[in-house]
């Protein structure tokens, strides 16, 4: 057994890398219970919109290919640019840990879930995640692969054959 142990042996994981390396720390386990935890994190966001009085319909669709679609008629994730990061609200919510509208900013009186890490954790652990946001009469969309934003060649494919990184305003 090596007795040499110093600061050079320490590893610092940043952002979503930590989630992918140690998913159990965020969702409890990597079995079906962890999968349900991920699903509940996304559903909780819709429930929070209902509790805030801005949504009255939540739809959950289980698809034949194993995908799950969750939608509500709430406000939608902000699509404008978040000034500190220069990223759209959607990209912040789905790619940055500890980011969201549930930290006392007046957006939610009550909320469930992991409070600012839920959507980003689910995104980090998803082979693919597609987001559509309806705001101000427009539909905005963004796709991710294991937490990284990008564009898929085939929007129907569960696992894309080719993925190209993309950063653009929604």
C-alpha atoms as a PDB file:
ATOM      1  CA  UNK A   1       0.000   0.000   0.000  1.00  0.00           C
ATOM      2  CA  UNK A   2       1.385   3.395  -0.992  1.00  0.00           C
ATOM      3  CA  UNK A   3       1.844   5.708   1.982  1.00  0.00           C
ATOM      4  CA  UNK A   4       2.692   8.767  -0.105  1.00  0.00           C
ATOM      5  CA  UNK A   5      -0.468  10.873  -0.143  1.00  0.00           C
ATOM      6  CA  UNK A   6      -0.320  14.572  -0.921  1.00  0.00           C
ATOM      7  CA  UNK A   7      -2.289  17.318  -2.636  1.00  0.00           C
ATOM      8  CA  UNK A   8      -1.100  16.099  -6.034  1.00  0.00           C
ATOM      9  CA  UNK A   9      -3.272  13.002  -5.508  1.00  0.00           C
ATOM     10  CA  UNK A  10      -6.432  15.097  -5.207  1.00  0.00           C
ATOM     11  CA  UNK A  11      -8.792  15.371  -8.131  1.00  0.00           C
ATOM     12  CA  UNK A  12     -11.093  18.333  -8.691  1.00  0.00           C
ATOM     13  CA  UNK A  13     -14.142  17.647 -10.811  1.00  0.00           C
ATOM     14  CA  UNK A  14     -15.867  20.660 -12.313  1.00  0.00           C
ATOM     15  CA  UNK A  15     -19.496  21.072 -13.305  1.00  0.00           C
ATOM     16  CA  UNK A  16     -21.297  18.211 -14.966  1.00  0.00           C
ATOM     17  CA  UNK A  17     -18.129  16.100 -15.057  1.00  0.00           C
ATOM     18  CA  UNK A  18     -18.674  15.407 -11.341  1.00  0.00           C
ATOM     19  CA  UNK A  19     -22.228  14.244 -12.008  1.00  0.00           C
ATOM     20  CA  UNK A  20     -21.127  11.821 -14.713  1.00  0.00           C
ATOM     21  CA  UNK A  21     -18.252  10.505 -12.576  1.00  0.00           C
ATOM     22  CA  UNK A  22     -20.352  10.001  -9.414  1.00  0.00           C
ATOM     23  CA  UNK A  23     -24.041   9.942 -10.414  1.00  0.00           C
ATOM     24  CA  UNK A  24     -25.102   8.226  -7.190  1.00  0.00           C
ATOM     25  CA  UNK A  25     -24.196  11.360  -5.251  1.00  0.00           C
ATOM     26  CA  UNK A  26     -26.901  13.220  -7.154  1.00  0.00           C
ATOM     27  CA  UNK A  27     -29.606  10.650  -7.914  1.00  0.00           C
ATOM     28  CA  UNK A  28     -28.988   8.013  -5.230  1.00  0.00           C
ATOM     29  CA  UNK A  29     -28.276   5.053  -7.500  1.00  0.00           C
ATOM     30  CA  UNK A  30     -27.743   4.129 -11.119  1.00  0.00           C
ATOM     31  CA  UNK A  31     -30.495   1.521 -11.280  1.00  0.00           C
ATOM     32  CA  UNK A  32     -34.201   2.016 -11.991  1.00  0.00           C
ATOM     33  CA  UNK A  33     -34.556   4.107  -8.816  1.00  0.00           C
ATOM     34  CA  UNK A  34     -31.989   6.573 -10.161  1.00  0.00           C
ATOM     35  CA  UNK A  35     -33.829   6.702 -13.465  1.00  0.00           C
ATOM     36  CA  UNK A  36     -37.067   7.485 -11.596  1.00  0.00           C
ATOM     37  CA  UNK A  37     -35.243  10.179  -9.628  1.00  0.00           C
ATOM     38  CA  UNK A  38     -34.214  11.812 -12.908  1.00  0.00           C
ATOM     39  CA  UNK A  39     -37.770  11.668 -14.195  1.00  0.00           C
ATOM     40  CA  UNK A  40     -39.129  13.172 -10.974  1.00  0.00           C
ATOM     41  CA  UNK A  41     -36.606  16.024 -11.186  1.00  0.00           C
ATOM     42  CA  UNK A  42     -38.087  17.089 -14.518  1.00  0.00           C
ATOM     43  CA  UNK A  43     -41.669  16.483 -13.413  1.00  0.00           C
ATOM     44  CA  UNK A  44     -40.980  18.578 -10.277  1.00  0.00           C
ATOM     45  CA  UNK A  45     -40.204  21.549 -12.520  1.00  0.00           C
ATOM     46  CA  UNK A  46     -43.669  21.266 -14.081  1.00  0.00           C
ATOM     47  CA  UNK A  47     -45.277  20.807 -10.664  1.00  0.00           C
ATOM     48  CA  UNK A  48     -43.478  23.937  -9.450  1.00  0.00           C
ATOM     49  CA  UNK A  49     -45.053  25.878 -12.323  1.00  0.00           C
ATOM     50  CA  UNK A  50     -48.475  24.566 -11.265  1.00  0.00           C
ATOM     51  CA  UNK A  51     -47.825  25.449  -7.604  1.00  0.00           C
ATOM     52  CA  UNK A  52     -46.846  28.949  -8.728  1.00  0.00           C
ATOM     53  CA  UNK A  53     -50.256  29.232 -10.402  1.00  0.00           C
ATOM     54  CA  UNK A  54     -48.882  29.592 -13.933  1.00  0.00           C
ATOM     55  CA  UNK A  55     -49.640  26.078 -15.247  1.00  0.00           C
ATOM     56  CA  UNK A  56     -52.703  23.877 -15.045  1.00  0.00           C
ATOM     57  CA  UNK A  57     -51.723  21.003 -17.322  1.00  0.00           C
ATOM     58  CA  UNK A  58     -48.794  18.565 -17.106  1.00  0.00           C
ATOM     59  CA  UNK A  59     -48.408  15.819 -19.707  1.00  0.00           C
ATOM     60  CA  UNK A  60     -46.052  12.858 -19.344  1.00  0.00           C
ATOM     61  CA  UNK A  61     -45.595  10.559 -22.343  1.00  0.00           C
ATOM     62  CA  UNK A  62     -43.658   7.288 -22.144  1.00  0.00           C
ATOM     63  CA  UNK A  63     -42.407   6.489 -25.632  1.00  0.00           C
ATOM     64  CA  UNK A  64     -41.821   3.063 -27.155  1.00  0.00           C
ATOM     65  CA  UNK A  65     -38.081   3.741 -27.559  1.00  0.00           C
ATOM     66  CA  UNK A  66     -37.636   4.350 -23.810  1.00  0.00           C
ATOM     67  CA  UNK A  67     -37.689   8.130 -24.049  1.00  0.00           C
ATOM     68  CA  UNK A  68     -39.931  10.219 -21.802  1.00  0.00           C
ATOM     69  CA  UNK A  69     -41.542  13.516 -22.731  1.00  0.00           C
ATOM     70  CA  UNK A  70     -42.654  15.927 -20.009  1.00  0.00           C
ATOM     71  CA  UNK A  71     -44.517  19.095 -20.912  1.00  0.00           C
ATOM     72  CA  UNK A  72     -46.595  21.720 -19.176  1.00  0.00           C
ATOM     73  CA  UNK A  73     -48.363  24.933 -20.107  1.00  0.00           C
ATOM     74  CA  UNK A  74     -46.363  27.095 -17.697  1.00  0.00           C
ATOM     75  CA  UNK A  75     -44.034  30.009 -18.390  1.00  0.00           C
ATOM     76  CA  UNK A  76     -41.251  27.973 -19.941  1.00  0.00           C
ATOM     77  CA  UNK A  77     -37.547  28.195 -19.160  1.00  0.00           C
ATOM     78  CA  UNK A  78     -36.233  31.709 -19.878  1.00  0.00           C
ATOM     79  CA  UNK A  79     -34.679  31.925 -23.337  1.00  0.00           C
ATOM     80  CA  UNK A  80     -33.057  35.335 -23.042  1.00  0.00           C
ATOM     81  CA  UNK A  81     -29.361  35.736 -22.220  1.00  0.00           C
ATOM     82  CA  UNK A  82     -28.297  35.370 -18.606  1.00  0.00           C
ATOM     83  CA  UNK A  83     -25.883  38.298 -18.140  1.00  0.00           C
ATOM     84  CA  UNK A  84     -23.222  36.660 -15.922  1.00  0.00           C
ATOM     85  CA  UNK A  85     -22.608  33.674 -18.213  1.00  0.00           C
ATOM     86  CA  UNK A  86     -23.614  35.082 -21.589  1.00  0.00           C
ATOM     87  CA  UNK A  87     -25.629  31.896 -22.171  1.00  0.00           C
ATOM     88  CA  UNK A  88     -29.342  31.531 -22.808  1.00  0.00           C
ATOM     89  CA  UNK A  89     -31.459  30.726 -19.775  1.00  0.00           C
ATOM     90  CA  UNK A  90     -32.122  27.269 -21.232  1.00  0.00           C
ATOM     91  CA  UNK A  91     -28.416  26.502 -21.509  1.00  0.00           C
ATOM     92  CA  UNK A  92     -27.771  27.793 -17.976  1.00  0.00           C
ATOM     93  CA  UNK A  93     -30.569  25.698 -16.447  1.00  0.00           C
ATOM     94  CA  UNK A  94     -29.576  22.526 -18.296  1.00  0.00           C
ATOM     95  CA  UNK A  95     -25.767  22.783 -18.115  1.00  0.00           C
ATOM     96  CA  UNK A  96     -24.847  24.627 -14.905  1.00  0.00           C
ATOM     97  CA  UNK A  97     -25.142  23.123 -11.447  1.00  0.00           C
ATOM     98  CA  UNK A  98     -26.754  25.336  -8.817  1.00  0.00           C
ATOM     99  CA  UNK A  99     -28.463  27.575 -11.349  1.00  0.00           C
ATOM    100  CA  UNK A 100     -32.165  28.227 -11.556  1.00  0.00           C
ATOM    101  CA  UNK A 101     -35.121  30.262 -10.382  1.00  0.00           C
ATOM    102  CA  UNK A 102     -35.572  28.510  -7.024  1.00  0.00           C
ATOM    103  CA  UNK A 103     -33.042  30.291  -4.853  1.00  0.00           C
ATOM    104  CA  UNK A 104     -35.276  32.981  -3.399  1.00  0.00           C
ATOM    105  CA  UNK A 105     -35.429  35.290  -6.405  1.00  0.00           C
ATOM    106  CA  UNK A 106     -39.216  35.533  -6.111  1.00  0.00           C
ATOM    107  CA  UNK A 107     -40.000  33.191  -9.012  1.00  0.00           C
ATOM    108  CA  UNK A 108     -41.277  30.368  -6.797  1.00  0.00           C
ATOM    109  CA  UNK A 109     -42.865  30.461  -3.324  1.00  0.00           C
ATOM    110  CA  UNK A 110     -42.443  26.668  -3.030  1.00  0.00           C
ATOM    111  CA  UNK A 111     -40.524  24.138  -5.067  1.00  0.00           C
ATOM    112  CA  UNK A 112     -39.539  20.485  -5.092  1.00  0.00           C
ATOM    113  CA  UNK A 113     -36.549  18.656  -6.498  1.00  0.00           C
ATOM    114  CA  UNK A 114     -32.854  19.319  -6.105  1.00  0.00           C
ATOM    115  CA  UNK A 115     -33.220  23.111  -6.240  1.00  0.00           C
ATOM    116  CA  UNK A 116     -30.985  24.194  -9.067  1.00  0.00           C
ATOM    117  CA  UNK A 117     -29.226  20.981  -9.951  1.00  0.00           C
ATOM    118  CA  UNK A 118     -32.097  18.767 -11.119  1.00  0.00           C
ATOM    119  CA  UNK A 119     -32.335  19.628 -14.813  1.00  0.00           C
ATOM    120  CA  UNK A 120     -28.568  19.867 -15.226  1.00  0.00           C
ATOM    121  CA  UNK A 121     -28.043  16.505 -13.489  1.00  0.00           C
ATOM    122  CA  UNK A 122     -30.676  14.835 -15.670  1.00  0.00           C
ATOM    123  CA  UNK A 123     -29.059  16.387 -18.737  1.00  0.00           C
ATOM    124  CA  UNK A 124     -25.565  15.254 -17.710  1.00  0.00           C
ATOM    125  CA  UNK A 125     -26.796  11.682 -17.285  1.00  0.00           C
ATOM    126  CA  UNK A 126     -28.930  11.569 -20.444  1.00  0.00           C
ATOM    127  CA  UNK A 127     -27.617  10.127 -23.676  1.00  0.00           C
ATOM    128  CA  UNK A 128     -29.789  12.757 -25.306  1.00  0.00           C
ATOM    129  CA  UNK A 129     -32.046  15.525 -24.054  1.00  0.00           C
ATOM    130  CA  UNK A 130     -34.163  17.802 -26.220  1.00  0.00           C
ATOM    131  CA  UNK A 131     -35.743  20.972 -24.852  1.00  0.00           C
ATOM    132  CA  UNK A 132     -38.559  22.932 -26.464  1.00  0.00           C
ATOM    133  CA  UNK A 133     -39.744  26.173 -24.891  1.00  0.00           C
ATOM    134  CA  UNK A 134     -42.780  28.146 -26.000  1.00  0.00           C
ATOM    135  CA  UNK A 135     -42.466  31.815 -25.088  1.00  0.00           C
ATOM    136  CA  UNK A 136     -43.994  34.950 -26.567  1.00  0.00           C
ATOM    137  CA  UNK A 137     -45.582  33.040 -29.431  1.00  0.00           C
ATOM    138  CA  UNK A 138     -42.328  31.398 -30.533  1.00  0.00           C
ATOM    139  CA  UNK A 139     -40.980  27.890 -30.041  1.00  0.00           C
ATOM    140  CA  UNK A 140     -37.300  27.703 -29.090  1.00  0.00           C
ATOM    141  CA  UNK A 141     -35.390  24.430 -29.062  1.00  0.00           C
ATOM    142  CA  UNK A 142     -32.034  23.116 -27.945  1.00  0.00           C
ATOM    143  CA  UNK A 143     -30.530  19.613 -27.931  1.00  0.00           C
ATOM    144  CA  UNK A 144     -27.884  18.072 -25.697  1.00  0.00           C
ATOM    145  CA  UNK A 145     -25.816  14.907 -25.598  1.00  0.00           C
ATOM    146  CA  UNK A 146     -24.578  13.920 -22.140  1.00  0.00           C
ATOM    147  CA  UNK A 147     -24.936  17.543 -21.066  1.00  0.00           C
ATOM    148  CA  UNK A 148     -23.201  19.137 -24.034  1.00  0.00           C
ATOM    149  CA  UNK A 149     -25.274  21.398 -26.295  1.00  0.00           C
ATOM    150  CA  UNK A 150     -25.245  20.582 -29.970  1.00  0.00           C
ATOM    151  CA  UNK A 151     -27.188  19.620 -33.069  1.00  0.00           C
ATOM    152  CA  UNK A 152     -28.079  16.101 -34.150  1.00  0.00           C
ATOM    153  CA  UNK A 153     -28.085  15.049 -37.786  1.00  0.00           C
ATOM    154  CA  UNK A 154     -31.172  12.904 -37.221  1.00  0.00           C
ATOM    155  CA  UNK A 155     -33.703  14.352 -34.761  1.00  0.00           C
ATOM    156  CA  UNK A 156     -35.481  10.971 -34.538  1.00  0.00           C
ATOM    157  CA  UNK A 157     -32.405   8.908 -33.649  1.00  0.00           C
ATOM    158  CA  UNK A 158     -32.101   7.979 -29.977  1.00  0.00           C
ATOM    159  CA  UNK A 159     -28.326   7.915 -30.298  1.00  0.00           C
ATOM    160  CA  UNK A 160     -26.988  10.196 -33.027  1.00  0.00           C
ATOM    161  CA  UNK A 161     -24.516   8.921 -35.564  1.00  0.00           C
ATOM    162  CA  UNK A 162     -22.894  12.333 -35.728  1.00  0.00           C
ATOM    163  CA  UNK A 163     -23.006  15.255 -33.346  1.00  0.00           C
ATOM    164  CA  UNK A 164     -21.562  18.695 -33.906  1.00  0.00           C
ATOM    165  CA  UNK A 165     -21.104  21.159 -31.071  1.00  0.00           C
ATOM    166  CA  UNK A 166     -23.119  24.299 -31.426  1.00  0.00           C
ATOM    167  CA  UNK A 167     -23.589  27.454 -29.373  1.00  0.00           C
ATOM    168  CA  UNK A 168     -26.113  29.925 -30.605  1.00  0.00           C
ATOM    169  CA  UNK A 169     -28.763  32.106 -29.111  1.00  0.00           C
ATOM    170  CA  UNK A 170     -32.115  30.412 -28.938  1.00  0.00           C
END
